[in-house]
Structure formats: structure tokens, C-alpha cells
C-alpha atoms as a PDB file:
ATOM      1  CA  MET A   1      15.906 -10.601  36.458  1.00  0.00           C
ATOM      2  CA  SER A   2      18.770  -8.325  37.488  1.00  0.00           C
ATOM      3  CA  ARG A   3      22.325  -8.889  36.255  1.00  0.00           C
ATOM      4  CA  GLU A   4      24.486  -7.723  39.117  1.00  0.00           C
ATOM      5  CA  VAL A   5      28.192  -8.377  39.583  1.00  0.00           C
ATOM      6  CA  GLY A   6      29.946  -8.422  42.943  1.00  0.00           C
ATOM      7  CA  VAL A   7      33.118  -9.718  44.552  1.00  0.00           C
ATOM      8  CA  ALA A   8      33.475 -12.513  47.116  1.00  0.00           C
ATOM      9  CA  LEU A   9      36.642 -12.248  49.166  1.00  0.00           C
ATOM     10  CA  PRO A  10      38.925 -15.237  48.651  1.00  0.00           C
ATOM     11  CA  PHE A  11      40.868 -16.799  51.462  1.00  0.00           C
ATOM     12  CA  TRP A  12      43.829 -18.096  49.521  1.00  0.00           C
ATOM     13  CA  LEU A  13      46.180 -19.963  51.842  1.00  0.00           C
ATOM     14  CA  ASP A  14      49.192 -18.741  49.856  1.00  0.00           C
ATOM     15  CA  ARG A  15      48.385 -15.014  50.336  1.00  0.00           C
ATOM     16  CA  THR A  16      48.456 -12.649  53.288  1.00  0.00           C
ATOM     17  CA  ASP A  17      45.284 -12.189  55.317  1.00  0.00           C
ATOM     18  CA  GLU A  18      45.431  -8.410  54.885  1.00  0.00           C
ATOM     19  CA  GLU A  19      44.996  -8.695  51.111  1.00  0.00           C
ATOM     20  CA  ALA A  20      41.247  -9.034  51.760  1.00  0.00           C
ATOM     21  CA  VAL A  21      40.955  -5.327  52.578  1.00  0.00           C
ATOM     22  CA  GLU A  22      42.951  -4.336  49.497  1.00  0.00           C
ATOM     23  CA  ILE A  23      40.672  -6.452  47.273  1.00  0.00           C
ATOM     24  CA  ALA A  24      37.667  -4.571  48.649  1.00  0.00           C
ATOM     25  CA  LEU A  25      39.300  -1.208  47.910  1.00  0.00           C
ATOM     26  CA  VAL A  26      40.215  -2.279  44.376  1.00  0.00           C
ATOM     27  CA  ALA A  27      36.667  -3.516  43.738  1.00  0.00           C
ATOM     28  CA  GLU A  28      35.095  -0.280  44.902  1.00  0.00           C
ATOM     29  CA  ARG A  29      37.472   1.830  42.789  1.00  0.00           C
ATOM     30  CA  ALA A  30      36.504  -0.328  39.798  1.00  0.00           C
ATOM     31  CA  GLY A  31      32.829   0.428  40.406  1.00  0.00           C
ATOM     32  CA  ILE A  32      31.801  -3.002  41.692  1.00  0.00           C
ATOM     33  CA  GLY A  33      29.241  -2.304  44.364  1.00  0.00           C
ATOM     34  CA  THR A  34      28.799  -5.494  46.435  1.00  0.00           C
ATOM     35  CA  MET A  35      31.312  -7.291  48.640  1.00  0.00           C
ATOM     36  CA  TRP A  36      30.781 -10.753  50.178  1.00  0.00           C
ATOM     37  CA  ILE A  37      32.825 -11.281  53.350  1.00  0.00           C
ATOM     38  CA  GLY A  38      33.092 -14.786  54.741  1.00  0.00           C
ATOM     39  CA  GLU A  39      35.516 -16.348  57.184  1.00  0.00           C
ATOM     40  CA  MET A  40      37.944 -19.232  57.268  1.00  0.00           C
ATOM     41  CA  HIS A  41      41.304 -19.389  59.036  1.00  0.00           C
ATOM     42  CA  SER A  42      41.910 -15.688  59.615  1.00  0.00           C
ATOM     43  CA  PHE A  43      39.465 -12.926  60.472  1.00  0.00           C
ATOM     44  CA  ASP A  44      36.116 -13.014  62.186  1.00  0.00           C
ATOM     45  CA  ALA A  45      33.685 -12.064  59.395  1.00  0.00           C
ATOM     46  CA  PHE A  46      31.894  -9.287  61.298  1.00  0.00           C
ATOM     47  CA  THR A  47      35.182  -7.670  62.290  1.00  0.00           C
ATOM     48  CA  LEU A  48      36.533  -7.814  58.747  1.00  0.00           C
ATOM     49  CA  ALA A  49      33.256  -6.452  57.338  1.00  0.00           C
ATOM     50  CA  THR A  50      33.452  -3.510  59.741  1.00  0.00           C
ATOM     51  CA  ALA A  51      37.043  -2.795  58.743  1.00  0.00           C
ATOM     52  CA  ILE A  52      36.120  -2.880  55.051  1.00  0.00           C
ATOM     53  CA  GLY A  53      33.047  -0.743  55.624  1.00  0.00           C
ATOM     54  CA  LEU A  54      35.127   1.908  57.368  1.00  0.00           C
ATOM     55  CA  ARG A  55      37.722   1.916  54.571  1.00  0.00           C
ATOM     56  CA  THR A  56      35.232   2.041  51.684  1.00  0.00           C
ATOM     57  CA  LYS A  57      32.543   4.580  50.884  1.00  0.00           C
ATOM     58  CA  SER A  58      29.491   2.835  49.489  1.00  0.00           C
ATOM     59  CA  VAL A  59      30.055  -0.863  48.787  1.00  0.00           C
ATOM     60  CA  ARG A  60      27.169  -3.071  49.962  1.00  0.00           C
ATOM     61  CA  LEU A  61      28.393  -5.477  52.641  1.00  0.00           C
ATOM     62  CA  ARG A  62      27.227  -9.093  52.667  1.00  0.00           C
ATOM     63  CA  VAL A  63      28.567 -11.089  55.597  1.00  0.00           C
ATOM     64  CA  GLY A  64      28.908 -14.834  55.145  1.00  0.00           C
ATOM     65  CA  PRO A  65      27.988 -17.526  54.472  1.00  0.00           C
ATOM     66  CA  LEU A  66      28.324 -18.211  58.186  1.00  0.00           C
ATOM     67  CA  ALA A  67      27.649 -21.670  59.603  1.00  0.00           C
ATOM     68  CA  ALA A  68      24.113 -21.550  61.008  1.00  0.00           C
ATOM     69  CA  GLY A  69      24.908 -23.964  63.821  1.00  0.00           C
ATOM     70  CA  VAL A  70      27.980 -22.198  65.203  1.00  0.00           C
ATOM     71  CA  ARG A  71      26.703 -18.817  66.413  1.00  0.00           C
ATOM     72  CA  SER A  72      23.394 -18.345  68.182  1.00  0.00           C
ATOM     73  CA  PRO A  73      20.708 -16.227  66.443  1.00  0.00           C
ATOM     74  CA  VAL A  74      21.360 -13.525  69.057  1.00  0.00           C
ATOM     75  CA  GLY A  75      25.078 -13.555  68.265  1.00  0.00           C
ATOM     76  CA  ILE A  76      24.378 -13.428  64.533  1.00  0.00           C
ATOM     77  CA  ALA A  77      21.924 -10.541  64.846  1.00  0.00           C
ATOM     78  CA  GLN A  78      24.300  -8.624  67.115  1.00  0.00           C
ATOM     79  CA  GLY A  79      27.062  -9.075  64.550  1.00  0.00           C
ATOM     80  CA  VAL A  80      24.920  -7.786  61.694  1.00  0.00           C
ATOM     81  CA  ALA A  81      23.700  -4.824  63.735  1.00  0.00           C
ATOM     82  CA  SER A  82      27.252  -4.001  64.822  1.00  0.00           C
ATOM     83  CA  VAL A  83      28.529  -3.855  61.242  1.00  0.00           C
ATOM     84  CA  ALA A  84      25.529  -1.882  59.977  1.00  0.00           C
ATOM     85  CA  THR A  85      25.645   0.650  62.819  1.00  0.00           C
ATOM     86  CA  LEU A  86      29.412   1.184  62.828  1.00  0.00           C
ATOM     87  CA  THR A  87      29.683   1.498  59.038  1.00  0.00           C
ATOM     88  CA  GLY A  88      26.448   3.388  58.525  1.00  0.00           C
ATOM     89  CA  ARG A  89      25.182   1.196  55.706  1.00  0.00           C
ATOM     90  CA  PRO A  90      22.832  -1.773  55.296  1.00  0.00           C
ATOM     91  CA  THR A  91      24.481  -5.151  55.850  1.00  0.00           C
ATOM     92  CA  ASP A  92      23.178  -8.410  54.411  1.00  0.00           C
ATOM     93  CA  LEU A  93      23.604 -11.817  56.021  1.00  0.00           C
ATOM     94  CA  ALA A  94      24.414 -15.133  54.368  1.00  0.00           C
ATOM     95  CA  LEU A  95      23.984 -18.411  56.250  1.00  0.00           C
ATOM     96  CA  GLY A  96      25.203 -21.871  55.313  1.00  0.00           C
ATOM     97  CA  SER A  97      25.437 -25.377  56.747  1.00  0.00           C
ATOM     98  CA  SER A  98      29.244 -25.516  56.405  1.00  0.00           C
ATOM     99  CA  SER A  99      30.816 -28.932  57.046  1.00  0.00           C
ATOM    100  CA  PRO A 100      31.384 -31.414  59.892  1.00  0.00           C
ATOM    101  CA  ALA A 101      35.079 -30.452  59.951  1.00  0.00           C
ATOM    102  CA  ILE A 102      34.213 -26.829  60.764  1.00  0.00           C
ATOM    103  CA  VAL A 103      30.993 -27.118  62.761  1.00  0.00           C
ATOM    104  CA  SER A 104      31.899 -30.184  64.847  1.00  0.00           C
ATOM    105  CA  GLY A 105      35.684 -30.276  64.487  1.00  0.00           C
ATOM    106  CA  TRP A 106      36.498 -26.603  65.030  1.00  0.00           C
ATOM    107  CA  HIS A 107      33.558 -25.464  67.120  1.00  0.00           C
ATOM    108  CA  GLY A 108      32.336 -28.613  68.850  1.00  0.00           C
ATOM    109  CA  ARG A 109      28.729 -28.142  67.733  1.00  0.00           C
ATOM    110  CA  PRO A 110      26.467 -30.872  66.315  1.00  0.00           C
ATOM    111  CA  TRP A 111      26.257 -31.092  62.530  1.00  0.00           C
ATOM    112  CA  ARG A 112      22.820 -32.653  62.027  1.00  0.00           C
ATOM    113  CA  ASP A 113      19.305 -31.891  60.794  1.00  0.00           C
ATOM    114  CA  LEU A 114      20.751 -29.165  58.616  1.00  0.00           C
ATOM    115  CA  ALA A 115      17.417 -28.119  57.120  1.00  0.00           C
ATOM    116  CA  GLY A 116      15.763 -27.848  60.535  1.00  0.00           C
ATOM    117  CA  GLN A 117      18.695 -25.891  61.955  1.00  0.00           C
ATOM    118  CA  MET A 118      18.624 -23.527  58.988  1.00  0.00           C
ATOM    119  CA  ARG A 119      14.879 -22.943  59.148  1.00  0.00           C
ATOM    120  CA  GLU A 120      14.881 -22.124  62.854  1.00  0.00           C
ATOM    121  CA  THR A 121      17.942 -19.900  62.551  1.00  0.00           C
ATOM    122  CA  ILE A 122      16.387 -17.895  59.709  1.00  0.00           C
ATOM    123  CA  LEU A 123      13.139 -17.417  61.596  1.00  0.00           C
ATOM    124  CA  ALA A 124      14.855 -16.381  64.816  1.00  0.00           C
ATOM    125  CA  VAL A 125      17.366 -14.043  63.186  1.00  0.00           C
ATOM    126  CA  ARG A 126      14.694 -12.397  61.035  1.00  0.00           C
ATOM    127  CA  SER A 127      12.559 -11.793  64.121  1.00  0.00           C
ATOM    128  CA  LEU A 128      15.475 -10.013  65.770  1.00  0.00           C
ATOM    129  CA  LEU A 129      16.458  -7.980  62.717  1.00  0.00           C
ATOM    130  CA  ILE A 130      12.965  -6.555  62.280  1.00  0.00           C
ATOM    131  CA  GLY A 131      13.014  -5.396  65.893  1.00  0.00           C
ATOM    132  CA  GLU A 132      11.030  -8.045  67.736  1.00  0.00           C
ATOM    133  CA  ARG A 133      11.872  -9.404  71.173  1.00  0.00           C
ATOM    134  CA  LEU A 134      12.904 -12.980  70.568  1.00  0.00           C
ATOM    135  CA  VAL A 135      10.799 -15.769  72.030  1.00  0.00           C
ATOM    136  CA  PHE A 136      11.797 -19.017  70.333  1.00  0.00           C
ATOM    137  CA  ASP A 137      11.717 -22.581  71.596  1.00  0.00           C
ATOM    138  CA  GLY A 138      12.412 -24.959  68.736  1.00  0.00           C
ATOM    139  CA  GLN A 139      14.333 -28.183  68.321  1.00  0.00           C
ATOM    140  CA  HIS A 140      17.617 -26.352  67.718  1.00  0.00           C
ATOM    141  CA  VAL A 141      17.096 -22.740  68.775  1.00  0.00           C
ATOM    142  CA  HIS A 142      16.105 -21.831  72.315  1.00  0.00           C
ATOM    143  CA  SER A 143      16.172 -18.148  73.206  1.00  0.00           C
ATOM    144  CA  GLN A 144      13.998 -15.868  75.321  1.00  0.00           C
ATOM    145  CA  GLY A 145      13.862 -12.131  75.825  1.00  0.00           C
ATOM    146  CA  PHE A 146      16.608 -10.558  73.701  1.00  0.00           C
ATOM    147  CA  LYS A 147      15.840  -7.545  71.523  1.00  0.00           C
ATOM    148  CA  LEU A 148      18.221  -5.524  69.379  1.00  0.00           C
ATOM    149  CA  ARG A 149      18.547  -1.939  70.476  1.00  0.00           C
ATOM    150  CA  LYS A 150      18.659  -0.905  66.805  1.00  0.00           C
ATOM    151  CA  ALA A 151      16.673  -3.058  64.375  1.00  0.00           C
ATOM    152  CA  GLN A 152      18.070  -3.796  60.903  1.00  0.00           C
ATOM    153  CA  PRO A 153      14.998  -4.353  58.719  1.00  0.00           C
ATOM    154  CA  ASP A 154      16.907  -3.689  55.471  1.00  0.00           C
ATOM    155  CA  THR A 155      19.073  -6.780  55.945  1.00  0.00           C
ATOM    156  CA  SER A 156      18.551  -9.504  53.351  1.00  0.00           C
ATOM    157  CA  ILE A 157      18.932 -13.075  54.597  1.00  0.00           C
ATOM    158  CA  ILE A 158      20.727 -15.285  52.091  1.00  0.00           C
ATOM    159  CA  VAL A 159      21.158 -19.052  52.289  1.00  0.00           C
ATOM    160  CA  ALA A 160      23.942 -21.105  50.750  1.00  0.00           C
ATOM    161  CA  ALA A 161      21.990 -24.082  49.492  1.00  0.00           C
ATOM    162  CA  PHE A 162      23.268 -27.591  48.872  1.00  0.00           C
ATOM    163  CA  GLY A 163      21.055 -30.631  49.008  1.00  0.00           C
ATOM    164  CA  GLU A 164      17.339 -30.920  48.422  1.00  0.00           C
ATOM    165  CA  GLN A 165      16.146 -30.163  51.956  1.00  0.00           C
ATOM    166  CA  VAL A 166      18.257 -27.061  52.625  1.00  0.00           C
ATOM    167  CA  THR A 167      17.430 -25.747  49.152  1.00  0.00           C
ATOM    168  CA  ARG A 168      13.742 -26.188  49.967  1.00  0.00           C
ATOM    169  CA  VAL A 169      14.165 -24.229  53.202  1.00  0.00           C
ATOM    170  CA  ALA A 170      16.092 -21.520  51.353  1.00  0.00           C
ATOM    171  CA  ALA A 171      13.401 -21.164  48.706  1.00  0.00           C
ATOM    172  CA  ARG A 172      10.646 -20.913  51.313  1.00  0.00           C
ATOM    173  CA  TYR A 173      12.268 -18.697  53.936  1.00  0.00           C
ATOM    174  CA  ALA A 174      15.266 -16.768  52.552  1.00  0.00           C
ATOM    175  CA  ASP A 175      15.427 -13.573  50.522  1.00  0.00           C
ATOM    176  CA  GLU A 176      18.170 -14.969  48.320  1.00  0.00           C
ATOM    177  CA  VAL A 177      19.939 -18.241  47.584  1.00  0.00           C
ATOM    178  CA  VAL A 178      23.669 -18.451  46.869  1.00  0.00           C
ATOM    179  CA  LEU A 179      25.594 -21.245  45.141  1.00  0.00           C
ATOM    180  CA  ASN A 180      29.336 -21.841  45.077  1.00  0.00           C
ATOM    181  CA  LEU A 181      31.582 -23.763  42.672  1.00  0.00           C
ATOM    182  CA  VAL A 182      28.851 -24.650  40.199  1.00  0.00           C
ATOM    183  CA  ALA A 183      28.607 -24.621  36.414  1.00  0.00           C
ATOM    184  CA  PRO A 184      25.890 -22.596  34.634  1.00  0.00           C
ATOM    185  CA  ASP A 185      23.786 -25.690  33.985  1.00  0.00           C
ATOM    186  CA  ARG A 186      23.566 -26.295  37.741  1.00  0.00           C
ATOM    187  CA  VAL A 187      22.355 -22.709  38.189  1.00  0.00           C
ATOM    188  CA  SER A 188      19.503 -23.418  35.773  1.00  0.00           C
ATOM    189  CA  LEU A 189      18.437 -26.478  37.764  1.00  0.00           C
ATOM    190  CA  VAL A 190      18.474 -24.633  41.088  1.00  0.00           C
ATOM    191  CA  ARG A 191      16.676 -21.646  39.572  1.00  0.00           C
ATOM    192  CA  ALA A 192      13.827 -23.914  38.486  1.00  0.00           C
ATOM    193  CA  ARG A 193      13.736 -25.658  41.864  1.00  0.00           C
ATOM    194  CA  ILE A 194      13.560 -22.515  43.985  1.00  0.00           C
ATOM    195  CA  ASP A 195      10.991 -20.965  41.641  1.00  0.00           C
ATOM    196  CA  ALA A 196       8.761 -24.020  42.072  1.00  0.00           C
ATOM    197  CA  GLU A 197       9.223 -24.166  45.852  1.00  0.00           C
ATOM    198  CA  ALA A 198       8.476 -20.468  46.278  1.00  0.00           C
ATOM    199  CA  ALA A 199       5.374 -20.754  44.104  1.00  0.00           C
ATOM    200  CA  GLU A 200       4.116 -23.687  46.172  1.00  0.00           C
ATOM    201  CA  ALA A 201       4.667 -21.631  49.328  1.00  0.00           C
ATOM    202  CA  THR A 202       2.904 -18.645  47.673  1.00  0.00           C
ATOM    203  CA  ARG A 203       5.769 -16.274  48.381  1.00  0.00           C
ATOM    204  CA  PRO A 204       8.000 -14.124  46.153  1.00  0.00           C
ATOM    205  CA  THR A 205      10.776 -16.069  44.458  1.00  0.00           C
ATOM    206  CA  PRO A 206      14.142 -15.524  46.167  1.00  0.00           C
ATOM    207  CA  ARG A 207      16.944 -13.989  44.179  1.00  0.00           C
ATOM    208  CA  LEU A 208      19.745 -16.309  43.096  1.00  0.00           C
ATOM    209  CA  ALA A 209      23.457 -15.540  43.436  1.00  0.00           C
ATOM    210  CA  VAL A 210      26.517 -17.575  42.504  1.00  0.00           C
ATOM    211  CA  TRP A 211      30.179 -17.351  43.509  1.00  0.00           C
ATOM    212  CA  VAL A 212      32.581 -17.931  40.612  1.00  0.00           C
ATOM    213  CA  PRO A 213      36.379 -18.248  40.956  1.00  0.00           C
ATOM    214  CA  ALA A 214      38.044 -16.083  38.322  1.00  0.00           C
ATOM    215  CA  ALA A 215      41.530 -15.538  36.917  1.00  0.00           C
ATOM    216  CA  LEU A 216      42.673 -13.323  34.076  1.00  0.00           C
ATOM    217  CA  ASP A 217      44.912 -15.280  31.667  1.00  0.00           C
ATOM    218  CA  PRO A 218      46.046 -17.633  34.432  1.00  0.00           C
ATOM    219  CA  GLY A 219      49.551 -19.019  34.408  1.00  0.00           C
ATOM    220  CA  GLU A 220      50.952 -21.876  36.435  1.00  0.00           C
ATOM    221  CA  ARG A 221      50.725 -20.165  39.846  1.00  0.00           C
ATOM    222  CA  ALA A 222      47.164 -18.931  39.375  1.00  0.00           C
ATOM    223  CA  THR A 223      46.005 -22.318  38.126  1.00  0.00           C
ATOM    224  CA  ALA A 224      47.651 -23.996  41.118  1.00  0.00           C
ATOM    225  CA  GLN A 225      45.941 -21.516  43.449  1.00  0.00           C
ATOM    226  CA  LEU A 226      42.518 -22.322  42.002  1.00  0.00           C
ATOM    227  CA  ALA A 227      43.195 -26.057  42.221  1.00  0.00           C
ATOM    228  CA  ALA A 228      44.389 -25.816  45.832  1.00  0.00           C
ATOM    229  CA  GLN A 229      41.195 -24.070  46.867  1.00  0.00           C
ATOM    230  CA  LEU A 230      39.045 -26.581  45.007  1.00  0.00           C
ATOM    231  CA  ALA A 231      40.830 -29.367  46.844  1.00  0.00           C
ATOM    232  CA  VAL A 232      39.374 -28.075  50.122  1.00  0.00           C
ATOM    233  CA  TYR A 233      35.829 -28.688  48.848  1.00  0.00           C
ATOM    234  CA  VAL A 234      36.140 -31.882  46.821  1.00  0.00           C
ATOM    235  CA  GLY A 235      35.262 -34.247  49.651  1.00  0.00           C
ATOM    236  CA  ALA A 236      32.886 -31.974  51.552  1.00  0.00           C
ATOM    237  CA  PRO A 237      29.232 -33.002  51.934  1.00  0.00           C
ATOM    238  CA  GLY A 238      27.125 -31.571  49.145  1.00  0.00           C
ATOM    239  CA  TYR A 239      30.073 -30.485  47.036  1.00  0.00           C
ATOM    240  CA  GLY A 240      31.319 -34.030  46.673  1.00  0.00           C
ATOM    241  CA  GLU A 241      27.941 -35.346  45.525  1.00  0.00           C
ATOM    242  CA  MET A 242      27.595 -32.527  43.019  1.00  0.00           C
ATOM    243  CA  LEU A 243      31.077 -33.119  41.593  1.00  0.00           C
ATOM    244  CA  ALA A 244      30.476 -36.870  41.410  1.00  0.00           C
ATOM    245  CA  GLU A 245      27.319 -36.248  39.376  1.00  0.00           C
ATOM    246  CA  GLN A 246      29.419 -34.212  36.939  1.00  0.00           C
ATOM    247  CA  GLY A 247      31.861 -37.041  36.312  1.00  0.00           C
ATOM    248  CA  PHE A 248      34.500 -36.481  38.996  1.00  0.00           C
ATOM    249  CA  ALA A 249      33.531 -39.359  41.294  1.00  0.00           C
ATOM    250  CA  ALA A 250      37.080 -40.761  41.447  1.00  0.00           C
ATOM    251  CA  LEU A 251      38.371 -37.439  42.746  1.00  0.00           C
ATOM    252  CA  VAL A 252      35.651 -37.330  45.396  1.00  0.00           C
ATOM    253  CA  GLU A 253      36.371 -40.911  46.464  1.00  0.00           C
ATOM    254  CA  SER A 254      40.055 -40.070  46.795  1.00  0.00           C
ATOM    255  CA  ALA A 255      39.262 -37.078  48.999  1.00  0.00           C
ATOM    256  CA  ARG A 256      36.945 -39.063  51.236  1.00  0.00           C
ATOM    257  CA  ALA A 257      39.480 -41.869  51.503  1.00  0.00           C
ATOM    258  CA  GLY A 258      41.894 -39.428  53.147  1.00  0.00           C
ATOM    259  CA  ALA A 259      44.030 -38.012  50.326  1.00  0.00           C
ATOM    260  CA  GLY A 260      45.893 -34.874  51.359  1.00  0.00           C
ATOM    261  CA  ARG A 261      45.103 -31.431  49.986  1.00  0.00           C
ATOM    262  CA  ALA A 262      48.319 -31.236  47.954  1.00  0.00           C
ATOM    263  CA  GLU A 263      47.631 -34.644  46.389  1.00  0.00           C
ATOM    264  CA  LEU A 264      44.074 -33.655  45.553  1.00  0.00           C
ATOM    265  CA  ALA A 265      45.115 -30.297  44.112  1.00  0.00           C
ATOM    266  CA  ALA A 266      47.590 -32.024  41.806  1.00  0.00           C
ATOM    267  CA  ALA A 267      44.833 -34.398  40.638  1.00  0.00           C
ATOM    268  CA  ILE A 268      42.241 -31.742  39.813  1.00  0.00           C
ATOM    269  CA  PRO A 269      41.846 -31.670  36.025  1.00  0.00           C
ATOM    270  CA  ALA A 270      41.820 -28.485  33.979  1.00  0.00           C
ATOM    271  CA  GLU A 271      38.352 -29.507  32.788  1.00  0.00           C
ATOM    272  CA  LEU A 272      36.935 -29.122  36.301  1.00  0.00           C
ATOM    273  CA  ILE A 273      38.459 -25.681  36.797  1.00  0.00           C
ATOM    274  CA  ALA A 274      37.124 -24.557  33.430  1.00  0.00           C
ATOM    275  CA  ARG A 275      33.606 -25.743  34.300  1.00  0.00           C
ATOM    276  CA  ILE A 276      33.211 -23.838  37.542  1.00  0.00           C
ATOM    277  CA  ALA A 277      35.507 -20.837  37.029  1.00  0.00           C
ATOM    278  CA  ALA A 278      35.710 -17.792  34.777  1.00  0.00           C
ATOM    279  CA  ILE A 279      39.213 -17.908  33.327  1.00  0.00           C
ATOM    280  CA  GLY A 280      41.006 -16.640  30.260  1.00  0.00           C
ATOM    281  CA  SER A 281      40.907 -13.366  28.367  1.00  0.00           C
ATOM    282  CA  PRO A 282      38.737 -10.402  29.396  1.00  0.00           C
ATOM    283  CA  SER A 283      36.171 -11.401  26.763  1.00  0.00           C
ATOM    284  CA  GLU A 284      36.132 -15.029  27.870  1.00  0.00           C
ATOM    285  CA  ILE A 285      35.604 -14.035  31.480  1.00  0.00           C
ATOM    286  CA  ALA A 286      32.812 -11.639  30.523  1.00  0.00           C
ATOM    287  CA  ASP A 287      31.160 -14.373  28.445  1.00  0.00           C
ATOM    288  CA  LYS A 288      31.288 -16.815  31.372  1.00  0.00           C
ATOM    289  CA  ILE A 289      29.725 -14.273  33.732  1.00  0.00           C
ATOM    290  CA  ARG A 290      26.955 -13.675  31.182  1.00  0.00           C
ATOM    291  CA  ALA A 291      26.427 -17.445  30.948  1.00  0.00           C
ATOM    292  CA  TYR A 292      25.652 -17.541  34.664  1.00  0.00           C
ATOM    293  CA  HIS A 293      23.247 -14.630  34.306  1.00  0.00           C
ATOM    294  CA  ASP A 294      21.600 -16.286  31.308  1.00  0.00           C
ATOM    295  CA  ALA A 295      21.205 -19.467  33.374  1.00  0.00           C
ATOM    296  CA  GLY A 296      19.133 -17.612  35.965  1.00  0.00           C
ATOM    297  CA  ALA A 297      21.562 -15.923  38.367  1.00  0.00           C
ATOM    298  CA  ASP A 298      20.571 -12.435  39.466  1.00  0.00           C
ATOM    299  CA  HIS A 299      23.992 -11.802  40.957  1.00  0.00           C
ATOM    300  CA  VAL A 300      27.430 -13.186  40.062  1.00  0.00           C
ATOM    301  CA  ALA A 301      30.178 -12.678  42.639  1.00  0.00           C
ATOM    302  CA  VAL A 302      33.653 -13.315  41.285  1.00  0.00           C
ATOM    303  CA  VAL A 303      36.275 -14.788  43.614  1.00  0.00           C
ATOM    304  CA  PRO A 304      39.494 -13.269  42.266  1.00  0.00           C
ATOM    305  CA  SER A 305      42.685 -15.260  41.963  1.00  0.00           C
ATOM    306  CA  THR A 306      45.536 -13.128  43.267  1.00  0.00           C
ATOM    307  CA  ALA A 307      48.587 -15.381  42.841  1.00  0.00           C
ATOM    308  CA  GLU A 308      49.682 -13.546  39.693  1.00  0.00           C
ATOM    309  CA  ASP A 309      47.386 -10.523  40.008  1.00  0.00           C
ATOM    310  CA  PRO A 310      47.754  -8.957  43.490  1.00  0.00           C
ATOM    311  CA  ALA A 311      44.381  -7.939  44.965  1.00  0.00           C
ATOM    312  CA  GLY A 312      42.800  -9.044  41.658  1.00  0.00           C
ATOM    313  CA  ARG A 313      43.433  -5.548  40.309  1.00  0.00           C
ATOM    314  CA  ASN A 314      43.707  -6.400  36.612  1.00  0.00           C
ATOM    315  CA  LEU A 315      40.847  -8.899  36.765  1.00  0.00           C
ATOM    316  CA  LEU A 316      38.415  -6.582  38.558  1.00  0.00           C
ATOM    317  CA  ASN A 317      39.205  -3.621  36.341  1.00  0.00           C
ATOM    318  CA  SER A 318      38.679  -5.827  33.302  1.00  0.00           C
ATOM    319  CA  ILE A 319      35.292  -7.011  34.611  1.00  0.00           C
ATOM    320  CA  ALA A 320      34.304  -3.434  35.354  1.00  0.00           C
ATOM    321  CA  ARG A 321      35.013  -2.477  31.740  1.00  0.00           C
ATOM    322  CA  LYS A 322      33.539  -5.555  30.082  1.00  0.00           C
ATOM    323  CA  VAL A 323      30.547  -6.386  32.289  1.00  0.00           C
ATOM    324  CA  VAL A 324      29.696  -3.684  34.802  1.00  0.00           C
ATOM    325  CA  ALA A 325      30.023  -0.605  32.583  1.00  0.00           C
END
């Protein structure tokens, strides 16, 4: 098992959008070689990945997780190929199910049969990335005749897995599985599950990655930033069930009953932040990252708090010294 460390760009609502590029530059200077680039309220992920790729020299770009039901497989493959061609480096792709608020509310697409949607999207996108002309007529994906001008066979397909069925699809069809906002013990459970599913399907076991919010010696503003971001996820499908299992059912019920984000953020206990984040001194953060690796993660991507540490500079340099070196 490898013990890689990367950075996942945060989308803190209390910071400028442009800080994302500066975080990428800081990470590369610190010697952290992988950058995860998702999307929320600001940039299109493929555009931001291209901008980062053109500003950095060698960092591995991983775009997503992107909601599988929002873009077509052709649109996804075109995006990956655009980033890879314009930056001159391999570009990985992460797919997720997202949430009804984003898929149906923002984009007007159906949020249903998540496992089936994910399976068909993986199969169709992989066909395109390896250079085949797409002929696909499934329950969710219907596409005929498109072929990428420049194939991208080095692209890894990663799936953000929550729930038994999507995790099963990820284990059987993806190159890697990624988890977000989980404690190390959850990583161990998922590691065992995807190992068993891959063995049953007689295929190589996918790698396992995890995103971990991180803050170096957080004060009041950094702690509030972490809590505000957690509040976005508390009531979301998958996340809510997982948090309820860990003893935070009242918080989940409050979110699903309509509590506002500020109210939820104020109610998030320090215990929850400590469980799913790497916070504290450089040594404490390094120990938490190692705990995720020991639990079965091949790759740990830190999500740097920047409220008190602009661009995560001190945090990322500390991780580079304590973990990466």
C-alpha cells in the first residue's frame, strides 16, 4: 500500500475564489505532488484545473468529484482531454453522486438510481478515454458516434463512494475510491468492503483515497470555518446517515428539518471536527494523516483551512516536513 499525500482545494465561502490557485502553487512549492480540483459555487472544475496546470510545473491534476448525472459522458471526456492536452500532463477524473440540491435543484437533472447512473457513466467515459468510438444505449446513458480526437488512456477514474450500492459499483469498475469527511475507522470498513467486492469480481483492488480537512493550531476563525463547511454536508444523503451512525443523529435531524447553515455550524461539536479532521500541532496533524494511512488509505488529501493561514501556507509546509519528506 502506498502512503501518498495530496491537497484537495477547499471552497470556503468566507475566502476569495482566486485563493484556489494560490493554494495549488503553495502545495507544489512544498513538494506535494497531487491536486484535487472540484467545483461548487465558483469555477468550472475543468477551467480551474487548466489554469492551475498552466501555473504549476508538475503537480498531478485530479478533477472532481463531479456529479455523474450532470454532464454527459462526452462532456466529461472532452473536459478531461482538454485539461490534459492544454497542460501537457495526465489528468485523473473523480465522479460522485452529489446531492438532490445540486443535481436536481441547480441543474434540473434526475437524482435517482445512483448506482446505475454511476456504472453506466464509468463505462461510457472509460470507453472514450481509451480512444473508442462511443456506442452506448443504457438506462441512463444514450450516446452514439463520438470519439475523442486525442485519447487519454493514462486517466484514472475515481469514484466518491457513499452507500452500499455505489460503493459496490466503485469497487467493481473504478480505479480508485475516494471518501470525504470520515474518521479512520470508517476507512478501515470501506477498505475491507472494496477489497471483498473486487475479489468477487476477480479484478485488481482499487486504490483508496480520503479527503481530510486540516488546520494548524486552529483558533476561533479556523474552527468556525471548518464547522461552517461541515454544516453544508450534515443533512446530505449518505453523509447524514454516516454521521447519525457515529452518534450525531440529533444534528442530522436538525439539518433535515430545515435548520439554517449558520444554526447548524454553531451546533457542530468540537468532537465531530476532531473525528474527521487533522487539527492541532504539526505532530498531531502528521499523526492523524498516518492514522488514515494505517487504516487502509493509499492517498490522503488534506483540505487546508485558510481562515487564519492564507493559502494554507504554514499547514502545507508543515505537512511537507513532517509527512512528505
